[in-house]
Amino acid sequence: MEKHGFTVTKKYHLETAWVATYTHGQGGHVLGINSEMDALPGIGHACGHNLIGISGVAVALAAKAAMERLNINGKVVLLGTLAEEGGFGKIMLYEKGAYDEMDACLMLALLPVIHIR
């Protein structure tokens, strides 16, 4: 994210959480994006956190590009969240104020596709 103009803070409120921020202009809205990044012990990314994590990166980069192209003032906050498999990572981050400045926060959630014949 640093290579794309974001400022990255490691160990953001929690040991393995991080935040990448990008600001364009002054004022404007703050768009938050969650990137879940944990896996299940012995299984791996069965819940799709690998896809959720990289999708958050894509959304943050797209928001940055739109802000620059359209000259929209605001801030993008990409939050690397952890401990979602029973660890309540987003709740801990919320309680520590990680979401306070966000006007909205997005996250991709994967759902199974059912084909009915």
N, C-alpha and C. Protein backbone atom coordinates (compact mmCIF):
# COMPACT_ATOMS: atom_id res chain seq x y z
N MET A 1 0.82 -1.19 0.00
CA MET A 1 0.00 0.00 0.00
C MET A 1 0.87 1.26 0.00
N GLU A 2 2.02 1.17 0.67
CA GLU A 2 2.93 2.33 0.65
C GLU A 2 3.37 2.66 -0.77
N LYS A 3 3.58 1.66 -1.60
CA LYS A 3 3.99 1.89 -2.99
C LYS A 3 2.89 2.58 -3.80
N HIS A 4 1.66 2.57 -3.28
CA HIS A 4 0.53 3.20 -3.96
C HIS A 4 0.12 4.51 -3.30
N GLY A 5 0.98 5.06 -2.45
CA GLY A 5 0.71 6.37 -1.86
C GLY A 5 -0.04 6.36 -0.55
N PHE A 6 -0.23 5.21 0.06
CA PHE A 6 -0.90 5.11 1.35
C PHE A 6 0.13 5.18 2.47
N THR A 7 -0.27 5.71 3.59
CA THR A 7 0.55 5.69 4.79
C THR A 7 0.13 4.46 5.60
N VAL A 8 1.09 3.62 5.95
CA VAL A 8 0.78 2.36 6.63
C VAL A 8 1.28 2.42 8.07
N THR A 9 0.41 2.03 9.00
CA THR A 9 0.76 1.91 10.41
C THR A 9 0.58 0.46 10.82
N LYS A 10 1.67 -0.18 11.21
CA LYS A 10 1.60 -1.56 11.68
C LYS A 10 1.26 -1.57 13.17
N LYS A 11 0.81 -2.70 13.67
CA LYS A 11 0.43 -2.85 15.08
C LYS A 11 -0.57 -1.76 15.48
N TYR A 12 -1.58 -1.58 14.66
CA TYR A 12 -2.58 -0.54 14.86
C TYR A 12 -3.60 -0.99 15.91
N HIS A 13 -3.48 -0.51 17.09
CA HIS A 13 -4.33 -0.83 18.26
C HIS A 13 -4.13 -2.27 18.76
N LEU A 14 -3.77 -3.20 17.89
CA LEU A 14 -3.56 -4.60 18.27
C LEU A 14 -2.27 -5.08 17.61
N GLU A 15 -1.68 -6.11 18.15
CA GLU A 15 -0.36 -6.59 17.70
C GLU A 15 -0.29 -6.89 16.20
N THR A 16 -1.33 -7.52 15.64
CA THR A 16 -1.25 -7.91 14.24
C THR A 16 -2.20 -7.14 13.33
N ALA A 17 -2.87 -6.12 13.82
CA ALA A 17 -3.73 -5.28 12.97
C ALA A 17 -2.87 -4.19 12.34
N TRP A 18 -3.37 -3.62 11.26
CA TRP A 18 -2.67 -2.53 10.58
C TRP A 18 -3.70 -1.63 9.92
N VAL A 19 -3.25 -0.43 9.56
CA VAL A 19 -4.11 0.49 8.84
C VAL A 19 -3.30 1.17 7.75
N ALA A 20 -3.92 1.33 6.58
CA ALA A 20 -3.31 2.06 5.47
C ALA A 20 -4.27 3.20 5.13
N THR A 21 -3.76 4.42 5.12
CA THR A 21 -4.63 5.58 4.87
C THR A 21 -4.13 6.39 3.68
N TYR A 22 -5.09 6.99 2.98
CA TYR A 22 -4.79 7.88 1.88
C TYR A 22 -5.73 9.08 2.00
N THR A 23 -5.17 10.27 1.92
CA THR A 23 -5.97 11.49 2.00
C THR A 23 -5.79 12.29 0.71
N HIS A 24 -6.91 12.77 0.18
CA HIS A 24 -6.87 13.62 -1.01
C HIS A 24 -7.54 14.95 -0.66
N GLY A 25 -6.81 16.03 -0.81
CA GLY A 25 -7.35 17.35 -0.49
C GLY A 25 -7.58 17.52 1.00
N GLN A 26 -8.51 18.41 1.31
CA GLN A 26 -8.85 18.66 2.72
C GLN A 26 -10.34 18.49 2.91
N GLY A 27 -10.69 17.94 4.07
CA GLY A 27 -12.11 17.71 4.37
C GLY A 27 -12.64 16.51 3.61
N GLY A 28 -13.93 16.48 3.43
CA GLY A 28 -14.56 15.37 2.73
C GLY A 28 -14.89 14.22 3.67
N HIS A 29 -15.41 13.18 3.07
CA HIS A 29 -15.82 12.01 3.84
C HIS A 29 -14.67 11.02 4.03
N VAL A 30 -14.85 10.15 5.01
CA VAL A 30 -13.85 9.10 5.29
C VAL A 30 -14.50 7.75 4.99
N LEU A 31 -13.93 7.05 4.01
CA LEU A 31 -14.41 5.74 3.63
C LEU A 31 -13.53 4.68 4.28
N GLY A 32 -14.12 3.83 5.08
CA GLY A 32 -13.41 2.73 5.71
C GLY A 32 -13.63 1.45 4.94
N ILE A 33 -12.62 0.60 4.94
CA ILE A 33 -12.70 -0.70 4.27
C ILE A 33 -12.02 -1.72 5.16
N ASN A 34 -12.71 -2.82 5.46
CA ASN A 34 -12.12 -3.91 6.24
C ASN A 34 -11.46 -4.91 5.30
N SER A 35 -10.27 -5.35 5.67
CA SER A 35 -9.59 -6.44 4.99
C SER A 35 -9.30 -7.52 6.02
N GLU A 36 -10.20 -8.51 6.11
CA GLU A 36 -9.96 -9.62 7.04
C GLU A 36 -8.80 -10.44 6.52
N MET A 37 -7.97 -10.95 7.44
CA MET A 37 -6.75 -11.60 6.98
C MET A 37 -6.34 -12.82 7.78
N ASP A 38 -7.25 -13.42 8.54
CA ASP A 38 -6.85 -14.60 9.30
C ASP A 38 -7.31 -15.87 8.60
N ALA A 39 -6.86 -17.00 9.12
CA ALA A 39 -7.22 -18.31 8.56
C ALA A 39 -7.57 -19.25 9.70
N LEU A 40 -8.19 -20.35 9.35
CA LEU A 40 -8.58 -21.36 10.33
C LEU A 40 -7.43 -22.34 10.56
N PRO A 41 -7.09 -22.63 11.82
CA PRO A 41 -6.01 -23.59 12.09
C PRO A 41 -6.29 -24.94 11.45
N GLY A 42 -5.30 -25.46 10.73
CA GLY A 42 -5.43 -26.76 10.10
C GLY A 42 -6.26 -26.79 8.83
N ILE A 43 -6.94 -25.70 8.51
CA ILE A 43 -7.80 -25.66 7.32
C ILE A 43 -7.30 -24.61 6.33
N GLY A 44 -6.93 -23.46 6.83
CA GLY A 44 -6.51 -22.37 5.96
C GLY A 44 -7.63 -21.38 5.74
N HIS A 45 -7.75 -20.92 4.52
CA HIS A 45 -8.72 -19.87 4.19
C HIS A 45 -10.07 -20.44 3.76
N ALA A 46 -10.65 -21.26 4.57
CA ALA A 46 -11.93 -21.89 4.24
C ALA A 46 -13.07 -20.88 4.21
N CYS A 47 -12.94 -19.79 4.92
CA CYS A 47 -14.00 -18.78 4.96
C CYS A 47 -13.76 -17.66 3.95
N GLY A 48 -12.71 -17.74 3.19
CA GLY A 48 -12.48 -16.76 2.14
C GLY A 48 -11.78 -15.49 2.57
N HIS A 49 -11.14 -15.49 3.73
CA HIS A 49 -10.47 -14.27 4.17
C HIS A 49 -9.36 -13.84 3.21
N ASN A 50 -8.78 -14.81 2.51
CA ASN A 50 -7.78 -14.43 1.52
C ASN A 50 -8.40 -13.57 0.42
N LEU A 51 -9.64 -13.88 0.04
CA LEU A 51 -10.33 -13.09 -0.97
C LEU A 51 -10.89 -11.80 -0.38
N ILE A 52 -11.36 -11.85 0.84
CA ILE A 52 -11.86 -10.65 1.51
C ILE A 52 -10.72 -9.64 1.67
N GLY A 53 -9.56 -10.13 2.08
CA GLY A 53 -8.41 -9.25 2.30
C GLY A 53 -7.98 -8.53 1.04
N ILE A 54 -7.78 -9.27 -0.05
CA ILE A 54 -7.31 -8.65 -1.28
C ILE A 54 -8.40 -7.81 -1.94
N SER A 55 -9.67 -8.17 -1.74
CA SER A 55 -10.76 -7.35 -2.27
C SER A 55 -10.79 -5.98 -1.59
N GLY A 56 -10.48 -5.95 -0.29
CA GLY A 56 -10.39 -4.66 0.40
C GLY A 56 -9.30 -3.79 -0.18
N VAL A 57 -8.17 -4.41 -0.51
CA VAL A 57 -7.07 -3.67 -1.14
C VAL A 57 -7.53 -3.09 -2.47
N ALA A 58 -8.22 -3.90 -3.28
CA ALA A 58 -8.71 -3.44 -4.58
C ALA A 58 -9.68 -2.27 -4.44
N VAL A 59 -10.59 -2.35 -3.48
CA VAL A 59 -11.55 -1.27 -3.27
C VAL A 59 -10.82 0.01 -2.83
N ALA A 60 -9.85 -0.13 -1.94
CA ALA A 60 -9.10 1.05 -1.48
C ALA A 60 -8.36 1.71 -2.64
N LEU A 61 -7.73 0.91 -3.49
CA LEU A 61 -7.01 1.46 -4.64
C LEU A 61 -7.96 2.10 -5.64
N ALA A 62 -9.12 1.50 -5.84
CA ALA A 62 -10.12 2.07 -6.76
C ALA A 62 -10.68 3.39 -6.21
N ALA A 63 -10.93 3.44 -4.91
CA ALA A 63 -11.42 4.68 -4.30
C ALA A 63 -10.39 5.79 -4.43
N LYS A 64 -9.13 5.46 -4.20
CA LYS A 64 -8.04 6.44 -4.36
C LYS A 64 -8.00 6.97 -5.79
N ALA A 65 -8.06 6.07 -6.76
CA ALA A 65 -8.02 6.47 -8.17
C ALA A 65 -9.20 7.38 -8.53
N ALA A 66 -10.39 7.05 -8.03
CA ALA A 66 -11.57 7.88 -8.30
C ALA A 66 -11.44 9.25 -7.66
N MET A 67 -10.92 9.29 -6.44
CA MET A 67 -10.74 10.58 -5.76
C MET A 67 -9.77 11.47 -6.53
N GLU A 68 -8.70 10.88 -7.03
CA GLU A 68 -7.71 11.65 -7.78
C GLU A 68 -8.28 12.10 -9.13
N ARG A 69 -8.90 11.21 -9.84
CA ARG A 69 -9.41 11.53 -11.18
C ARG A 69 -10.52 12.57 -11.14
N LEU A 70 -11.41 12.44 -10.15
CA LEU A 70 -12.56 13.34 -10.05
C LEU A 70 -12.33 14.49 -9.07
N ASN A 71 -11.14 14.57 -8.51
CA ASN A 71 -10.76 15.60 -7.54
C ASN A 71 -11.76 15.67 -6.37
N ILE A 72 -11.98 14.52 -5.75
CA ILE A 72 -12.88 14.41 -4.59
C ILE A 72 -12.05 14.46 -3.32
N ASN A 73 -12.36 15.39 -2.45
CA ASN A 73 -11.67 15.47 -1.16
C ASN A 73 -12.17 14.37 -0.25
N GLY A 74 -11.27 13.80 0.51
CA GLY A 74 -11.66 12.78 1.47
C GLY A 74 -10.51 11.90 1.86
N LYS A 75 -10.84 10.83 2.53
CA LYS A 75 -9.84 9.92 3.06
C LYS A 75 -10.32 8.49 2.90
N VAL A 76 -9.37 7.60 2.57
CA VAL A 76 -9.63 6.16 2.51
C VAL A 76 -8.85 5.51 3.65
N VAL A 77 -9.53 4.69 4.44
CA VAL A 77 -8.91 3.98 5.56
C VAL A 77 -9.09 2.49 5.34
N LEU A 78 -8.00 1.81 4.99
CA LEU A 78 -8.02 0.37 4.80
C LEU A 78 -7.53 -0.27 6.09
N LEU A 79 -8.39 -1.05 6.72
CA LEU A 79 -8.10 -1.59 8.04
C LEU A 79 -7.87 -3.10 7.96
N GLY A 80 -6.67 -3.53 8.25
CA GLY A 80 -6.35 -4.96 8.28
C GLY A 80 -6.85 -5.56 9.58
N THR A 81 -7.95 -6.29 9.48
CA THR A 81 -8.58 -6.85 10.69
C THR A 81 -8.18 -8.31 10.87
N LEU A 82 -8.16 -8.72 12.08
CA LEU A 82 -7.68 -10.05 12.45
C LEU A 82 -8.66 -10.73 13.38
N ALA A 83 -8.37 -11.95 13.70
CA ALA A 83 -9.07 -12.70 14.76
C ALA A 83 -10.57 -12.76 14.55
N GLU A 84 -11.01 -13.00 13.30
CA GLU A 84 -12.44 -13.08 13.04
C GLU A 84 -13.00 -14.48 13.28
N GLU A 85 -12.14 -15.46 13.41
CA GLU A 85 -12.60 -16.82 13.68
C GLU A 85 -12.61 -17.06 15.19
N GLY A 86 -13.54 -16.41 15.86
CA GLY A 86 -13.68 -16.58 17.30
C GLY A 86 -12.90 -15.61 18.15
N GLY A 87 -12.17 -14.70 17.53
CA GLY A 87 -11.35 -13.76 18.29
C GLY A 87 -11.93 -12.37 18.41
N PHE A 88 -12.98 -12.06 17.66
CA PHE A 88 -13.67 -10.77 17.75
C PHE A 88 -12.76 -9.59 17.45
N GLY A 89 -11.91 -9.72 16.42
CA GLY A 89 -10.95 -8.68 16.08
C GLY A 89 -11.58 -7.33 15.79
N LYS A 90 -12.65 -7.31 14.98
CA LYS A 90 -13.28 -6.02 14.65
C LYS A 90 -13.91 -5.38 15.88
N ILE A 91 -14.43 -6.20 16.78
CA ILE A 91 -15.02 -5.64 18.01
C ILE A 91 -13.92 -5.00 18.87
N MET A 92 -12.78 -5.67 18.98
CA MET A 92 -11.67 -5.10 19.76
C MET A 92 -11.19 -3.80 19.12
N LEU A 93 -11.08 -3.77 17.80
CA LEU A 93 -10.65 -2.56 17.11
C LEU A 93 -11.68 -1.44 17.29
N TYR A 94 -12.96 -1.80 17.20
CA TYR A 94 -14.02 -0.81 17.41
C TYR A 94 -13.92 -0.20 18.81
N GLU A 95 -13.75 -1.05 19.80
CA GLU A 95 -13.66 -0.56 21.18
C GLU A 95 -12.44 0.33 21.40
N LYS A 96 -11.39 0.16 20.60
CA LYS A 96 -10.18 0.98 20.72
C LYS A 96 -10.23 2.22 19.83
N GLY A 97 -11.36 2.42 19.11
CA GLY A 97 -11.54 3.64 18.34
C GLY A 97 -11.13 3.58 16.88
N ALA A 98 -10.84 2.40 16.35
CA ALA A 98 -10.35 2.29 14.98
C ALA A 98 -11.37 2.75 13.94
N TYR A 99 -12.65 2.74 14.26
CA TYR A 99 -13.69 3.10 13.30
C TYR A 99 -14.28 4.50 13.55
N ASP A 100 -13.78 5.21 14.55
CA ASP A 100 -14.40 6.47 14.97
C ASP A 100 -14.50 7.51 13.86
N GLU A 101 -13.49 7.68 13.03
CA GLU A 101 -13.51 8.75 12.04
C GLU A 101 -14.23 8.36 10.75
N MET A 102 -14.59 7.09 10.60
CA MET A 102 -15.20 6.63 9.34
C MET A 102 -16.65 7.06 9.22
N ASP A 103 -17.01 7.55 8.03
CA ASP A 103 -18.40 7.85 7.73
C ASP A 103 -19.16 6.60 7.31
N ALA A 104 -18.46 5.69 6.68
CA ALA A 104 -19.01 4.39 6.27
C ALA A 104 -17.84 3.41 6.22
N CYS A 105 -18.14 2.13 6.42
CA CYS A 105 -17.10 1.11 6.36
C CYS A 105 -17.65 -0.08 5.56
N LEU A 106 -16.89 -0.50 4.56
CA LEU A 106 -17.29 -1.57 3.66
C LEU A 106 -16.46 -2.82 3.88
N MET A 107 -17.03 -3.95 3.51
CA MET A 107 -16.27 -5.20 3.49
C MET A 107 -16.98 -6.18 2.57
N LEU A 108 -16.20 -6.89 1.79
CA LEU A 108 -16.75 -7.95 0.97
C LEU A 108 -17.04 -9.15 1.85
N ALA A 109 -18.21 -9.74 1.71
CA ALA A 109 -18.54 -10.97 2.42
C ALA A 109 -18.87 -12.02 1.37
N LEU A 110 -18.23 -13.16 1.47
CA LEU A 110 -18.45 -14.23 0.50
C LEU A 110 -19.62 -15.10 0.94
N LEU A 111 -20.48 -15.44 0.01
CA LEU A 111 -21.61 -16.31 0.29
C LEU A 111 -21.59 -17.45 -0.71
N PRO A 112 -22.02 -18.63 -0.29
CA PRO A 112 -22.04 -19.74 -1.25
C PRO A 112 -23.12 -19.49 -2.32
N VAL A 113 -22.82 -19.96 -3.50
CA VAL A 113 -23.78 -19.84 -4.61
C VAL A 113 -24.49 -21.18 -4.75
N ILE A 114 -25.80 -21.14 -4.73
CA ILE A 114 -26.60 -22.36 -4.84
C ILE A 114 -27.25 -22.37 -6.22
N HIS A 115 -27.03 -23.43 -6.94
CA HIS A 115 -27.66 -23.58 -8.26
C HIS A 115 -28.83 -24.53 -8.12
N ILE A 116 -30.00 -24.05 -8.47
CA ILE A 116 -31.21 -24.88 -8.42
C ILE A 116 -31.57 -25.28 -9.85
N ARG A 117 -31.77 -26.54 -10.03
CA ARG A 117 -32.14 -27.02 -11.38
C ARG A 117 -33.59 -27.40 -11.42
